Amino acid sequence: MLRPRLLILTPRYPYPVIGGDRLRIYFICKVLSAHFRLTLLSLCDSKAEMTSRLPMDGVFERIERVYLPKWRSRFNSLLALPTQTPLQNAYYRSSEFRRRIRALMPEHDGILAHLIRTGDAIRDLPAPKFLEMTDAISLNYARVGRERRNARDLRSQVYRIESERLEAYERAVVDDFDHSFLVSSVDREFLFGNDPARLARATVASNGVDLSGLPFSFSNTPGDLVFIGNMTTLQNLDAVQYMALEILPLVRRQRPEVRLRVIGRIGPNERAQLERADGVVVTGQVDSVAVAAHGGAIGVCPMRLGAGVQNKVLEYMALGLPTVSTSIGLEGFHAKDGVEIAVADDPAAYAARVLDLLEDRVAAGAMARAARAYVESHHSWEAMLQPMVDTITDRLASSTPRPSVTAAS
């Protein structure tokens, strides 16, 4: 018997598999490909993505790409300013993308949209459809608004506008889908905690970690602090600046040799700003996180903004980097403070936890080994995504034959 066919929609082309959003949807698709035949329909914002070589990993039977230039996306967002449409939905709006969805849908048994950015394009389709929300984005934006309420930069202004629109939209959009998925119970309860009907339509399918590419390598000697993240997002940029400017100087007062190694995509202006701080080394985007982080002593996750499960924490734990995180960075995990991870929420306390782990490498090693055991037992992608596989399988098994969808713009 042939496996059902599932159409996957993504707002960004998931190759190369770099960054949190690409990583999550790639492994979702890798797990789903064992149960369904997958077609990928993805938006691309560059001609290079449109013409890049197709992957040979066997995840997708078919890949189609739709070009949406950045100028068009920005114009879409400007048009949406006087409305109540979330700006990120407007940013990814494409009539060609919608046309291709309607052309492909009759060949498929169901459709999975990654993020509300593509989910908005299929809310009205009469087909089995699922929404992979990842985070409660409105929770993320609300935290940004509180933390940066007096900031006047354009990005903070946009976050304030978007925050007002997102919460109502996210709570209502699940009504238009057979089922939705979120990365943590914190996000699910924030959106639907007082609404039993919607709680029943939203399931937690957390992040996993691919241990095959993250070998355990604990360093017995003190060394660099490591921060992994995409610094083009406000929450990661805020965290690494907080680490570099407020926490690292407190650490270096006692251990002046300690450096902060920053790994991940970063803009030239942000890179220059960080490199002006004492003890900061910016590696930038790399082919292998494991290679770039090798020899580090501690992984740091000083998140003050954001929501959902932090992939960087999973990567630190897998690599053997004892981890110091804020409480926000620990959301969605069941790791215990002082056993698999260290938690602190103000600069002085954070620096103290870092110094403790630098000075007591026996305790740091015990934490690193406990953390690796934790991710091995709790965060395999297959285990984390089984609720999603089961939900989609059950819904498609009970659905009527494929609908006939009229092409429309």
Protein backbone atom coordinates (compact mmCIF):
# COMPACT_ATOMS: atom_id res chain seq x y z
CA MET A 1 0.00 0.00 0.00
CA LEU A 2 1.36 3.39 -1.00
CA ARG A 3 2.06 5.86 1.76
CA PRO A 4 -0.14 8.99 1.79
CA ARG A 5 1.20 12.06 0.03
CA LEU A 6 1.77 15.21 2.08
CA LEU A 7 2.44 18.69 0.69
CA ILE A 8 4.88 20.71 2.84
CA LEU A 9 4.84 24.52 2.67
CA THR A 10 7.77 26.59 3.94
CA PRO A 11 8.34 30.36 3.94
CA ARG A 12 12.10 29.86 3.60
CA TYR A 13 13.96 27.26 1.57
CA PRO A 14 15.19 24.76 4.21
CA TYR A 15 18.57 24.14 2.54
CA PRO A 16 21.29 24.45 3.67
CA VAL A 17 20.11 23.22 7.08
CA ILE A 18 21.42 26.14 9.13
CA GLY A 19 19.48 28.08 11.77
CA GLY A 20 16.69 27.16 14.16
CA ASP A 21 13.68 27.44 11.84
CA ARG A 22 15.33 25.54 8.98
CA LEU A 23 16.66 22.91 11.37
CA ARG A 24 13.23 22.24 12.87
CA ILE A 25 11.30 21.95 9.61
CA TYR A 26 14.06 19.85 8.02
CA PHE A 27 13.97 17.27 10.80
CA ILE A 28 10.19 17.33 10.88
CA CYS A 29 10.24 16.44 7.20
CA LYS A 30 12.97 13.84 7.68
CA VAL A 31 10.86 12.06 10.31
CA LEU A 32 7.64 12.42 8.29
CA SER A 33 9.32 11.02 5.18
CA ALA A 34 9.39 7.59 6.83
CA HIS A 35 5.58 7.63 6.92
CA PHE A 36 4.50 9.86 4.02
CA ARG A 37 5.59 10.75 0.51
CA LEU A 38 6.56 14.42 0.70
CA THR A 39 6.45 17.28 -1.77
CA LEU A 40 8.13 20.54 -0.78
CA LEU A 41 6.77 23.86 -2.01
CA SER A 42 8.98 26.65 -0.71
CA LEU A 43 9.28 30.38 -1.10
CA CYS A 44 12.76 31.67 -1.98
CA ASP A 45 13.98 35.25 -1.68
CA SER A 46 17.05 34.93 -3.92
CA LYS A 47 17.83 33.69 -7.41
CA ALA A 48 20.65 31.61 -5.90
CA GLU A 49 18.14 29.61 -3.85
CA MET A 50 15.96 29.15 -6.92
CA THR A 51 18.81 27.63 -8.92
CA SER A 52 20.76 25.78 -6.20
CA ARG A 53 21.30 22.07 -6.69
CA LEU A 54 18.48 19.90 -5.36
CA PRO A 55 19.38 17.86 -2.28
CA MET A 56 19.97 14.13 -2.60
CA ASP A 57 18.99 13.21 0.97
CA GLY A 58 15.80 11.37 -0.01
CA VAL A 59 13.55 13.46 2.25
CA PHE A 60 11.39 14.87 -0.55
CA GLU A 61 10.10 13.08 -3.63
CA ARG A 62 9.58 16.42 -5.34
CA ILE A 63 10.70 20.01 -4.69
CA GLU A 64 9.18 23.16 -6.16
CA ARG A 65 10.30 26.71 -5.48
CA VAL A 66 8.55 30.06 -5.90
CA TYR A 67 10.54 33.28 -6.13
CA LEU A 68 9.45 36.09 -3.82
CA PRO A 69 11.99 38.95 -3.99
CA LYS A 70 12.69 40.93 -0.86
CA TRP A 71 11.49 44.19 -2.41
CA ARG A 72 8.08 42.61 -3.02
CA SER A 73 7.91 41.33 0.55
CA ARG A 74 8.76 44.74 1.97
CA PHE A 75 6.14 46.37 -0.26
CA ASN A 76 3.58 43.80 0.95
CA SER A 77 4.37 44.73 4.54
CA LEU A 78 3.96 48.43 3.86
CA LEU A 79 0.56 47.78 2.31
CA ALA A 80 -0.46 45.87 5.45
CA LEU A 81 0.46 48.64 7.91
CA PRO A 82 -3.02 50.28 7.92
CA THR A 83 -4.70 46.88 8.40
CA GLN A 84 -4.77 44.32 11.22
CA THR A 85 -2.94 41.67 9.16
CA PRO A 86 0.22 40.40 10.90
CA LEU A 87 3.12 41.95 9.01
CA GLN A 88 4.95 38.64 8.73
CA ASN A 89 1.97 37.12 6.96
CA ALA A 90 1.90 40.05 4.54
CA TYR A 91 5.68 39.77 4.04
CA TYR A 92 5.34 36.20 2.71
CA ARG A 93 2.19 36.76 0.66
CA SER A 94 2.52 35.54 -2.93
CA SER A 95 -0.22 34.97 -5.50
CA GLU A 96 2.04 32.54 -7.39
CA PHE A 97 2.63 30.55 -4.21
CA ARG A 98 -1.13 30.29 -3.65
CA ARG A 99 -1.66 29.27 -7.26
CA ARG A 100 0.92 26.48 -7.00
CA ILE A 101 -0.67 25.22 -3.75
CA ARG A 102 -4.05 24.90 -5.47
CA ALA A 103 -2.50 23.19 -8.47
CA LEU A 104 -0.64 20.65 -6.31
CA MET A 105 -3.33 19.97 -3.73
CA PRO A 106 -5.41 17.50 -5.78
CA GLU A 107 -2.35 15.21 -5.99
CA HIS A 108 -1.92 15.11 -2.21
CA ASP A 109 -3.79 13.66 0.75
CA GLY A 110 -2.98 16.49 3.13
CA ILE A 111 -0.95 19.63 3.62
CA LEU A 112 1.40 20.81 6.39
CA ALA A 113 2.20 24.53 6.62
CA HIS A 114 5.33 25.64 8.44
CA LEU A 115 4.50 28.74 10.50
CA ILE A 116 1.50 31.03 10.19
CA ARG A 117 3.38 32.75 7.34
CA THR A 118 2.42 29.95 4.96
CA GLY A 119 -0.58 28.73 6.94
CA ASP A 120 -2.39 31.94 6.05
CA ALA A 121 -2.38 30.86 2.39
CA ILE A 122 -4.41 27.70 3.05
CA ARG A 123 -6.86 28.66 5.79
CA ASP A 124 -9.78 28.39 3.36
CA LEU A 125 -8.79 25.14 1.61
CA PRO A 126 -11.24 22.22 1.99
CA ALA A 127 -8.54 19.64 2.63
CA PRO A 128 -6.91 17.90 5.61
CA LYS A 129 -4.43 20.53 6.73
CA PHE A 130 -2.05 21.00 9.62
CA LEU A 131 -0.20 24.01 11.01
CA GLU A 132 3.32 23.72 12.41
CA MET A 133 3.37 26.91 14.49
CA THR A 134 6.66 26.21 16.31
CA ASP A 135 6.47 29.05 18.88
CA ALA A 136 3.73 31.29 20.14
CA ILE A 137 5.21 34.21 18.25
CA SER A 138 2.98 36.65 20.11
CA LEU A 139 4.59 35.58 23.41
CA ASN A 140 8.00 36.31 21.93
CA TYR A 141 6.89 39.73 20.69
CA ALA A 142 5.17 40.62 23.96
CA ARG A 143 8.45 39.96 25.79
CA VAL A 144 10.33 42.09 23.28
CA GLY A 145 7.83 44.89 23.80
CA ARG A 146 8.27 44.83 27.58
CA GLU A 147 12.05 44.66 27.43
CA ARG A 148 12.43 47.35 24.76
CA ARG A 149 9.41 49.52 25.51
CA ASN A 150 11.48 52.72 25.40
CA ALA A 151 13.56 51.78 22.35
CA ARG A 152 13.10 53.92 19.25
CA ASP A 153 14.81 51.79 16.60
CA LEU A 154 12.77 50.55 13.65
CA ARG A 155 12.93 46.88 14.63
CA SER A 156 11.48 47.56 18.08
CA GLN A 157 8.72 49.68 16.56
CA VAL A 158 7.80 46.86 14.19
CA TYR A 159 7.71 44.37 17.06
CA ARG A 160 5.29 46.60 18.96
CA ILE A 161 2.96 46.88 15.95
CA GLU A 162 3.17 43.15 15.31
CA SER A 163 2.58 42.18 18.93
CA GLU A 164 -0.83 43.86 18.90
CA ARG A 165 -1.93 41.82 15.88
CA LEU A 166 -0.42 38.41 16.51
CA GLU A 167 -2.00 37.16 19.71
CA ALA A 168 -5.61 37.30 18.46
CA TYR A 169 -4.55 35.89 15.10
CA GLU A 170 -2.62 32.94 16.58
CA ARG A 171 -5.46 32.03 18.92
CA ALA A 172 -8.03 32.09 16.11
CA VAL A 173 -6.09 30.52 13.25
CA VAL A 174 -6.10 27.03 14.81
CA ASP A 175 -9.87 26.88 14.22
CA ASP A 176 -9.20 26.66 10.48
CA PHE A 177 -6.86 23.66 10.70
CA ASP A 178 -7.42 20.02 11.54
CA HIS A 179 -4.59 20.26 14.04
CA SER A 180 -1.73 22.54 15.05
CA PHE A 181 1.65 21.86 16.67
CA LEU A 182 3.77 23.91 19.08
CA VAL A 183 7.25 23.36 20.41
CA SER A 184 6.51 23.62 24.14
CA SER A 185 3.71 23.51 26.70
CA VAL A 186 4.59 27.11 27.66
CA ASP A 187 3.59 28.30 24.18
CA ARG A 188 0.48 26.12 24.11
CA GLU A 189 -0.75 27.31 27.50
CA PHE A 190 -0.01 30.95 26.69
CA LEU A 191 -2.27 30.79 23.64
CA PHE A 192 -4.98 28.36 24.72
CA GLY A 193 -4.74 27.85 28.49
CA ASN A 194 -8.36 28.88 29.15
CA ASP A 195 -9.86 27.40 26.00
CA PRO A 196 -10.41 23.60 26.20
CA ALA A 197 -11.67 23.34 22.61
CA ARG A 198 -8.54 24.93 21.18
CA LEU A 199 -6.25 23.10 23.59
CA ALA A 200 -7.61 19.88 22.10
CA ARG A 201 -6.63 21.07 18.62
CA ALA A 202 -3.02 21.91 19.50
CA THR A 203 -0.33 19.37 20.42
CA VAL A 204 3.21 19.84 21.73
CA ALA A 205 5.85 18.36 19.42
CA SER A 206 9.14 19.57 20.85
CA ASN A 207 12.56 20.00 19.29
CA GLY A 208 14.99 17.13 19.08
CA VAL A 209 18.70 16.92 18.46
CA ASP A 210 20.64 15.03 15.79
CA LEU A 211 23.36 13.42 17.87
CA SER A 212 25.17 11.98 14.84
CA GLY A 213 26.58 15.40 14.00
CA LEU A 214 27.24 16.51 17.58
CA PRO A 215 29.95 14.34 19.16
CA PHE A 216 30.44 14.59 22.92
CA SER A 217 33.77 16.26 23.72
CA PHE A 218 34.10 17.72 27.21
CA SER A 219 37.17 19.87 27.88
CA ASN A 220 38.79 19.31 31.27
CA THR A 221 40.51 22.68 31.20
CA PRO A 222 38.89 26.13 31.40
CA GLY A 223 38.52 27.86 28.06
CA ASP A 224 36.16 29.87 25.92
CA LEU A 225 32.50 30.51 26.52
CA VAL A 226 30.46 29.57 23.45
CA PHE A 227 27.33 31.24 22.11
CA ILE A 228 25.58 29.61 19.13
CA GLY A 229 22.75 31.41 17.34
CA ASN A 230 21.44 33.33 14.38
CA MET A 231 22.25 36.93 15.29
CA THR A 232 19.92 38.32 12.62
CA THR A 233 17.03 37.61 15.03
CA LEU A 234 16.40 40.19 17.72
CA GLN A 235 16.25 37.66 20.56
CA ASN A 236 19.67 36.16 19.77
CA LEU A 237 21.25 39.54 19.11
CA ASP A 238 19.93 40.84 22.43
CA ALA A 239 21.23 37.73 24.23
CA VAL A 240 24.74 37.87 22.79
CA GLN A 241 25.02 41.62 23.42
CA TYR A 242 23.81 41.09 26.99
CA MET A 243 26.43 38.38 27.40
CA ALA A 244 29.25 40.40 25.84
CA LEU A 245 28.54 43.75 27.48
CA GLU A 246 27.04 42.96 30.89
CA ILE A 247 28.06 39.42 31.92
CA LEU A 248 31.43 38.76 30.29
CA PRO A 249 33.14 41.77 31.96
CA LEU A 250 32.13 40.37 35.37
CA VAL A 251 33.65 36.99 34.44
CA ARG A 252 36.86 38.58 33.11
CA ARG A 253 37.42 40.52 36.34
CA GLN A 254 38.36 37.21 37.94
CA ARG A 255 39.47 35.32 34.84
CA PRO A 256 40.79 37.85 32.29
CA GLU A 257 41.84 35.08 29.89
CA VAL A 258 38.23 33.96 29.26
CA ARG A 259 36.81 34.80 25.84
CA LEU A 260 33.32 34.66 24.36
CA ARG A 261 33.24 32.75 21.07
CA VAL A 262 30.21 33.80 18.96
CA ILE A 263 29.14 31.26 16.34
CA GLY A 264 26.38 31.89 13.81
CA ARG A 265 25.04 34.17 11.12
CA ILE A 266 25.58 37.87 11.87
CA GLY A 267 25.36 41.17 10.00
CA PRO A 268 28.50 43.29 9.43
CA ASN A 269 27.42 46.15 11.72
CA GLU A 270 26.50 43.80 14.58
CA ARG A 271 29.75 41.90 14.09
CA ALA A 272 31.80 45.09 14.30
CA GLN A 273 29.97 46.17 17.46
CA LEU A 274 30.59 42.85 19.20
CA GLU A 275 34.24 42.70 18.18
CA ARG A 276 34.82 46.06 19.89
CA ALA A 277 33.98 44.42 23.24
CA ASP A 278 36.93 43.03 25.20
CA GLY A 279 37.30 39.27 24.96
CA VAL A 280 34.78 38.65 22.17
CA VAL A 281 35.70 36.57 19.11
CA VAL A 282 33.11 36.39 16.32
CA THR A 283 33.36 33.24 14.24
CA GLY A 284 30.24 33.94 12.19
CA GLN A 285 28.38 31.36 10.12
CA VAL A 286 30.15 28.01 9.89
CA ASP A 287 29.72 24.69 8.11
CA SER A 288 30.03 22.70 11.33
CA VAL A 289 28.90 23.92 14.75
CA ALA A 290 30.70 20.97 16.36
CA VAL A 291 34.03 21.95 14.83
CA ALA A 292 33.58 25.65 15.62
CA ALA A 293 32.64 24.96 19.25
CA HIS A 294 35.36 22.35 19.87
CA GLY A 295 37.50 23.11 22.90
CA GLY A 296 34.96 25.45 24.44
CA ALA A 297 34.44 25.22 28.19
CA ILE A 298 30.83 26.42 28.67
CA GLY A 299 27.80 27.00 26.46
CA VAL A 300 25.85 30.16 27.29
CA CYS A 301 22.17 30.90 26.66
CA PRO A 302 21.43 34.27 28.32
CA MET A 303 18.06 34.73 26.60
CA ARG A 304 15.90 37.63 27.79
CA LEU A 305 13.52 37.61 24.83
CA GLY A 306 11.95 34.86 22.77
CA ALA A 307 9.89 31.76 23.41
CA GLY A 308 9.99 28.04 22.72
CA VAL A 309 12.71 25.41 23.01
CA GLN A 310 16.21 26.75 22.33
CA ASN A 311 18.14 24.57 19.88
CA LYS A 312 21.40 26.03 21.16
CA VAL A 313 20.81 24.44 24.58
CA LEU A 314 20.26 21.03 22.98
CA GLU A 315 23.45 21.48 20.95
CA TYR A 316 25.51 22.50 23.99
CA MET A 317 24.22 19.50 25.94
CA ALA A 318 24.98 17.11 23.11
CA LEU A 319 28.49 18.51 22.55
CA GLY A 320 29.57 18.24 26.19
CA LEU A 321 29.45 21.96 26.93
CA PRO A 322 28.16 22.55 30.48
CA THR A 323 25.39 25.08 29.98
CA VAL A 324 24.38 28.25 31.80
CA SER A 325 20.96 29.58 30.80
CA THR A 326 18.38 32.09 31.91
CA SER A 327 14.94 30.78 32.88
CA ILE A 328 13.55 31.80 29.47
CA GLY A 329 16.22 29.69 27.75
CA LEU A 330 15.09 26.67 29.78
CA GLU A 331 11.42 26.81 28.74
CA GLY A 332 10.20 23.55 27.26
CA PHE A 333 12.92 21.47 28.93
CA HIS A 334 12.73 19.13 31.92
CA ALA A 335 16.42 19.50 32.75
CA LYS A 336 17.17 20.23 36.41
CA ASP A 337 19.10 23.25 37.63
CA GLY A 338 22.38 22.10 39.14
CA VAL A 339 22.21 18.65 37.53
CA GLU A 340 22.00 18.91 33.73
CA ILE A 341 22.17 22.73 33.49
CA ALA A 342 22.82 25.89 35.54
CA VAL A 343 20.23 28.70 35.63
CA ALA A 344 20.64 32.38 36.53
CA ASP A 345 18.64 35.49 35.62
CA ASP A 346 20.73 38.56 36.45
CA PRO A 347 24.27 39.46 35.34
CA ALA A 348 25.98 38.92 38.73
CA ALA A 349 24.33 35.55 39.36
CA TYR A 350 24.97 34.48 35.76
CA ALA A 351 28.65 35.37 35.96
CA ALA A 352 28.91 33.50 39.28
CA ARG A 353 27.49 30.29 37.74
CA VAL A 354 29.92 30.60 34.83
CA LEU A 355 32.88 31.09 37.16
CA ASP A 356 31.84 28.12 39.31
CA LEU A 357 31.86 25.83 36.27
CA LEU A 358 35.17 27.22 35.00
CA GLU A 359 36.86 26.68 38.35
CA ASP A 360 35.39 23.26 39.20
CA ARG A 361 35.88 21.18 36.07
CA VAL A 362 35.01 17.98 37.94
CA ALA A 363 31.52 19.33 38.66
CA ALA A 364 31.37 20.75 35.12
CA GLY A 365 32.19 17.32 33.69
CA ALA A 366 29.47 15.66 35.75
CA MET A 367 26.97 18.24 34.49
CA ALA A 368 28.09 17.73 30.88
CA ARG A 369 27.69 13.95 31.10
CA ALA A 370 24.27 14.27 32.76
CA ALA A 371 23.20 16.72 30.05
CA ARG A 372 24.29 14.39 27.25
CA ALA A 373 22.34 11.55 28.88
CA TYR A 374 19.33 13.86 29.17
CA VAL A 375 19.24 14.72 25.47
CA GLU A 376 19.84 11.10 24.49
CA SER A 377 16.85 9.94 26.52
CA HIS A 378 14.49 12.90 26.09
CA HIS A 379 15.19 14.67 22.80
CA SER A 380 15.54 12.33 19.86
CA TRP A 381 13.70 13.84 16.89
CA GLU A 382 11.72 10.64 16.37
CA ALA A 383 10.40 10.64 19.94
CA MET A 384 9.66 14.38 19.99
CA LEU A 385 7.74 14.26 16.72
CA GLN A 386 5.80 11.02 17.27
CA PRO A 387 2.67 12.95 18.41
CA MET A 388 2.74 14.82 15.11
CA VAL A 389 3.17 11.64 13.07
CA ASP A 390 0.31 9.94 14.92
CA THR A 391 -2.05 12.90 14.59
CA ILE A 392 -1.47 13.35 10.86
CA THR A 393 -1.69 9.60 10.22
CA ASP A 394 -5.01 9.28 12.07
CA ARG A 395 -6.53 12.30 10.35
CA LEU A 396 -5.55 11.21 6.85
CA ALA A 397 -6.80 7.68 7.51
CA SER A 398 -10.23 9.06 8.34
CA SER A 399 -10.42 11.63 5.54
CA THR A 400 -12.47 11.48 2.39
CA PRO A 401 -10.76 11.11 -1.01
CA ARG A 402 -8.61 13.97 -2.23
CA PRO A 403 -10.62 17.13 -2.83
CA SER A 404 -10.84 18.91 -6.13
CA VAL A 405 -9.48 22.42 -5.66
CA THR A 406 -10.09 25.06 -8.29
CA ALA A 407 -6.99 27.03 -9.21
CA ALA A 408 -7.16 30.63 -7.99
CA SER A 409 -4.80 33.49 -7.42
